[in-house]
Amino acid sequence: MKGDLALDMVVGWIILLVVAGVVIGIIFYYADEIKGAFSSLSEEKNPEAEYFKAESFSDSQIKTYIELCWSKTGEKFNKDFICYVLKGNISSIKPSDLEGDFEGYRVITDFNNSKAILTIMFEDIGNKIIIKN
């Protein structure tokens, strides 16, 4: 009688260890998905890049998009991000007029104004707003 009880106890422990091993294996296998689920609950959703198409864009419009990009990302973002993609005539815009140091960030331009597309992006390292085609 005592032998049967001891055997039942050993089998019970073996079943418990197998179940624990399977649960731990599942947790390790899906660790990235689990982290993503918890981080999405605690973090603010990342904004999406916005696309605008117009006949043409002016210096003041581009400067407004730069300021909006900084306010959208700025100190809140820890990764590079494309804020805006503008499609339209940008031949009247001089890249040197947009460059400079501003409060908390620097604007760097690397675009050809003969092309009809402009990308405004935030770069986390150095807090830069980069404008390029």
C-alpha atoms as a PDB file:
ATOM      1  CA  MET A   1       0.000   0.000   0.000  1.00  0.00           C
ATOM      2  CA  LYS A   2       2.824   2.381   0.855  1.00  0.00           C
ATOM      3  CA  GLY A   3       4.604   1.430  -2.364  1.00  0.00           C
ATOM      4  CA  ASP A   4       1.580   2.376  -4.444  1.00  0.00           C
ATOM      5  CA  LEU A   5       1.333   5.728  -2.668  1.00  0.00           C
ATOM      6  CA  ALA A   6       5.021   6.470  -3.255  1.00  0.00           C
ATOM      7  CA  LEU A   7       4.691   5.519  -6.941  1.00  0.00           C
ATOM      8  CA  ASP A   8       1.665   7.816  -7.307  1.00  0.00           C
ATOM      9  CA  MET A   9       3.648  10.628  -5.709  1.00  0.00           C
ATOM     10  CA  VAL A  10       6.591  10.148  -8.106  1.00  0.00           C
ATOM     11  CA  VAL A  11       4.289  10.051 -11.153  1.00  0.00           C
ATOM     12  CA  GLY A  12       2.522  13.176  -9.919  1.00  0.00           C
ATOM     13  CA  TRP A  13       5.838  15.026  -9.594  1.00  0.00           C
ATOM     14  CA  ILE A  14       6.932  13.895 -13.055  1.00  0.00           C
ATOM     15  CA  ILE A  15       3.670  15.148 -14.577  1.00  0.00           C
ATOM     16  CA  LEU A  16       4.043  18.446 -12.719  1.00  0.00           C
ATOM     17  CA  LEU A  17       7.628  18.885 -13.990  1.00  0.00           C
ATOM     18  CA  VAL A  18       6.609  18.096 -17.583  1.00  0.00           C
ATOM     19  CA  VAL A  19       3.768  20.619 -17.459  1.00  0.00           C
ATOM     20  CA  ALA A  20       6.080  23.259 -15.947  1.00  0.00           C
ATOM     21  CA  GLY A  21       8.683  22.559 -18.639  1.00  0.00           C
ATOM     22  CA  VAL A  22       6.095  22.935 -21.412  1.00  0.00           C
ATOM     23  CA  VAL A  23       4.807  26.224 -19.955  1.00  0.00           C
ATOM     24  CA  ILE A  24       8.351  27.613 -19.586  1.00  0.00           C
ATOM     25  CA  GLY A  25       9.164  26.503 -23.151  1.00  0.00           C
ATOM     26  CA  ILE A  26       6.082  28.279 -24.498  1.00  0.00           C
ATOM     27  CA  ILE A  27       7.011  31.450 -22.600  1.00  0.00           C
ATOM     28  CA  PHE A  28      10.545  31.421 -24.038  1.00  0.00           C
ATOM     29  CA  TYR A  29       9.301  30.632 -27.551  1.00  0.00           C
ATOM     30  CA  TYR A  30       6.808  33.510 -27.547  1.00  0.00           C
ATOM     31  CA  ALA A  31       8.875  35.939 -25.424  1.00  0.00           C
ATOM     32  CA  ASP A  32       9.095  38.625 -28.140  1.00  0.00           C
ATOM     33  CA  GLU A  33       5.355  38.553 -28.778  1.00  0.00           C
ATOM     34  CA  ILE A  34       4.645  38.734 -25.053  1.00  0.00           C
ATOM     35  CA  LYS A  35       6.994  41.720 -24.639  1.00  0.00           C
ATOM     36  CA  GLY A  36       5.346  43.430 -27.607  1.00  0.00           C
ATOM     37  CA  ALA A  37       1.897  42.924 -26.134  1.00  0.00           C
ATOM     38  CA  PHE A  38       2.884  44.408 -22.781  1.00  0.00           C
ATOM     39  CA  SER A  39       4.812  47.301 -24.311  1.00  0.00           C
ATOM     40  CA  SER A  40       1.897  48.208 -26.572  1.00  0.00           C
ATOM     41  CA  LEU A  41      -0.289  48.526 -23.494  1.00  0.00           C
ATOM     42  CA  SER A  42       2.138  50.831 -21.708  1.00  0.00           C
ATOM     43  CA  GLU A  43       3.530  52.897 -24.604  1.00  0.00           C
ATOM     44  CA  GLU A  44       1.896  55.542 -26.697  1.00  0.00           C
ATOM     45  CA  LYS A  45       1.225  54.465 -30.276  1.00  0.00           C
ATOM     46  CA  ASN A  46       3.808  55.619 -32.800  1.00  0.00           C
ATOM     47  CA  PRO A  47       2.522  58.184 -35.249  1.00  0.00           C
ATOM     48  CA  GLU A  48       2.418  57.276 -38.922  1.00  0.00           C
ATOM     49  CA  ALA A  49       4.146  59.095 -41.765  1.00  0.00           C
ATOM     50  CA  GLU A  50       1.811  61.497 -43.531  1.00  0.00           C
ATOM     51  CA  TYR A  51       1.727  62.035 -47.287  1.00  0.00           C
ATOM     52  CA  PHE A  52       0.726  65.344 -48.854  1.00  0.00           C
ATOM     53  CA  LYS A  53       0.349  66.200 -52.517  1.00  0.00           C
ATOM     54  CA  ALA A  54       0.018  69.781 -53.747  1.00  0.00           C
ATOM     55  CA  GLU A  55       0.727  71.855 -56.834  1.00  0.00           C
ATOM     56  CA  SER A  56       3.699  73.450 -55.049  1.00  0.00           C
ATOM     57  CA  PHE A  57       5.120  74.044 -51.568  1.00  0.00           C
ATOM     58  CA  SER A  58       6.560  77.281 -50.181  1.00  0.00           C
ATOM     59  CA  ASP A  59       9.375  77.905 -47.684  1.00  0.00           C
ATOM     60  CA  SER A  60       6.895  78.741 -44.945  1.00  0.00           C
ATOM     61  CA  GLN A  61       4.908  75.547 -45.543  1.00  0.00           C
ATOM     62  CA  ILE A  62       8.068  73.442 -45.356  1.00  0.00           C
ATOM     63  CA  LYS A  63       9.113  75.236 -42.146  1.00  0.00           C
ATOM     64  CA  THR A  64       5.697  74.492 -40.678  1.00  0.00           C
ATOM     65  CA  TYR A  65       6.083  70.798 -41.534  1.00  0.00           C
ATOM     66  CA  ILE A  66       9.534  70.840 -39.905  1.00  0.00           C
ATOM     67  CA  GLU A  67       8.117  72.324 -36.696  1.00  0.00           C
ATOM     68  CA  LEU A  68       5.246  69.831 -36.717  1.00  0.00           C
ATOM     69  CA  CYS A  69       7.692  66.970 -37.196  1.00  0.00           C
ATOM     70  CA  TRP A  70       9.687  68.124 -34.176  1.00  0.00           C
ATOM     71  CA  SER A  71       6.578  68.517 -32.026  1.00  0.00           C
ATOM     72  CA  LYS A  72       5.360  65.080 -33.144  1.00  0.00           C
ATOM     73  CA  THR A  73       8.641  63.315 -32.314  1.00  0.00           C
ATOM     74  CA  GLY A  74      11.167  65.453 -30.426  1.00  0.00           C
ATOM     75  CA  GLU A  75      12.125  64.220 -26.985  1.00  0.00           C
ATOM     76  CA  LYS A  76       9.274  61.685 -27.034  1.00  0.00           C
ATOM     77  CA  PHE A  77      10.807  59.436 -29.688  1.00  0.00           C
ATOM     78  CA  ASN A  78      13.838  57.191 -29.356  1.00  0.00           C
ATOM     79  CA  LYS A  79      14.117  56.103 -32.971  1.00  0.00           C
ATOM     80  CA  ASP A  80      14.349  57.511 -36.476  1.00  0.00           C
ATOM     81  CA  PHE A  81      11.017  58.334 -38.065  1.00  0.00           C
ATOM     82  CA  ILE A  82       9.703  59.722 -41.358  1.00  0.00           C
ATOM     83  CA  CYS A  83       7.200  62.441 -40.496  1.00  0.00           C
ATOM     84  CA  TYR A  84       6.085  63.753 -43.887  1.00  0.00           C
ATOM     85  CA  VAL A  85       6.429  62.963 -47.561  1.00  0.00           C
ATOM     86  CA  LEU A  86       5.523  65.939 -49.725  1.00  0.00           C
ATOM     87  CA  LYS A  87       4.887  65.606 -53.444  1.00  0.00           C
ATOM     88  CA  GLY A  88       4.723  68.751 -55.548  1.00  0.00           C
ATOM     89  CA  ASN A  89       6.798  71.510 -57.077  1.00  0.00           C
ATOM     90  CA  ILE A  90       9.623  72.549 -54.724  1.00  0.00           C
ATOM     91  CA  SER A  91      11.782  74.435 -57.247  1.00  0.00           C
ATOM     92  CA  SER A  92      11.372  77.756 -55.399  1.00  0.00           C
ATOM     93  CA  ILE A  93      12.793  76.362 -52.156  1.00  0.00           C
ATOM     94  CA  LYS A  94      16.469  76.906 -51.352  1.00  0.00           C
ATOM     95  CA  PRO A  95      17.866  74.146 -49.132  1.00  0.00           C
ATOM     96  CA  SER A  96      20.173  76.609 -47.346  1.00  0.00           C
ATOM     97  CA  ASP A  97      17.185  78.708 -46.195  1.00  0.00           C
ATOM     98  CA  LEU A  98      15.797  75.771 -44.212  1.00  0.00           C
ATOM     99  CA  GLU A  99      19.002  74.665 -42.479  1.00  0.00           C
ATOM    100  CA  GLY A 100      19.992  75.768 -39.029  1.00  0.00           C
ATOM    101  CA  ASP A 101      19.926  75.175 -35.297  1.00  0.00           C
ATOM    102  CA  PHE A 102      16.634  75.635 -33.536  1.00  0.00           C
ATOM    103  CA  GLU A 103      15.498  75.172 -29.964  1.00  0.00           C
ATOM    104  CA  GLY A 104      16.328  71.531 -29.234  1.00  0.00           C
ATOM    105  CA  TYR A 105      16.988  70.326 -32.765  1.00  0.00           C
ATOM    106  CA  ARG A 106      18.983  70.913 -35.922  1.00  0.00           C
ATOM    107  CA  VAL A 107      17.656  70.979 -39.495  1.00  0.00           C
ATOM    108  CA  ILE A 108      19.867  69.406 -42.156  1.00  0.00           C
ATOM    109  CA  THR A 109      18.965  69.569 -45.834  1.00  0.00           C
ATOM    110  CA  ASP A 110      20.181  67.221 -48.525  1.00  0.00           C
ATOM    111  CA  PHE A 111      17.775  67.576 -51.411  1.00  0.00           C
ATOM    112  CA  ASN A 112      17.605  68.628 -55.018  1.00  0.00           C
ATOM    113  CA  ASN A 113      14.829  71.181 -55.558  1.00  0.00           C
ATOM    114  CA  SER A 114      14.382  70.105 -59.189  1.00  0.00           C
ATOM    115  CA  LYS A 115      12.754  66.868 -58.009  1.00  0.00           C
ATOM    116  CA  ALA A 116       9.095  66.866 -57.050  1.00  0.00           C
ATOM    117  CA  ILE A 117       9.278  64.902 -53.804  1.00  0.00           C
ATOM    118  CA  LEU A 118      10.524  65.816 -50.357  1.00  0.00           C
ATOM    119  CA  THR A 119      10.885  63.688 -47.234  1.00  0.00           C
ATOM    120  CA  ILE A 120      10.985  65.244 -43.775  1.00  0.00           C
ATOM    121  CA  MET A 121      12.310  62.850 -41.174  1.00  0.00           C
ATOM    122  CA  PHE A 122      13.403  62.868 -37.538  1.00  0.00           C
ATOM    123  CA  GLU A 123      16.769  61.331 -36.632  1.00  0.00           C
ATOM    124  CA  ASP A 124      17.102  60.509 -32.949  1.00  0.00           C
ATOM    125  CA  ILE A 125      20.887  60.716 -32.688  1.00  0.00           C
ATOM    126  CA  GLY A 126      21.642  64.405 -32.477  1.00  0.00           C
ATOM    127  CA  ASN A 127      17.962  65.419 -32.552  1.00  0.00           C
ATOM    128  CA  LYS A 128      17.986  66.243 -36.247  1.00  0.00           C
ATOM    129  CA  ILE A 129      15.250  66.935 -38.740  1.00  0.00           C
ATOM    130  CA  ILE A 130      16.572  65.819 -42.108  1.00  0.00           C
ATOM    131  CA  ILE A 131      15.040  66.977 -45.359  1.00  0.00           C
ATOM    132  CA  LYS A 132      15.891  64.950 -48.460  1.00  0.00           C
ATOM    133  CA  ASN A 133      14.408  63.563 -51.684  1.00  0.00           C
END
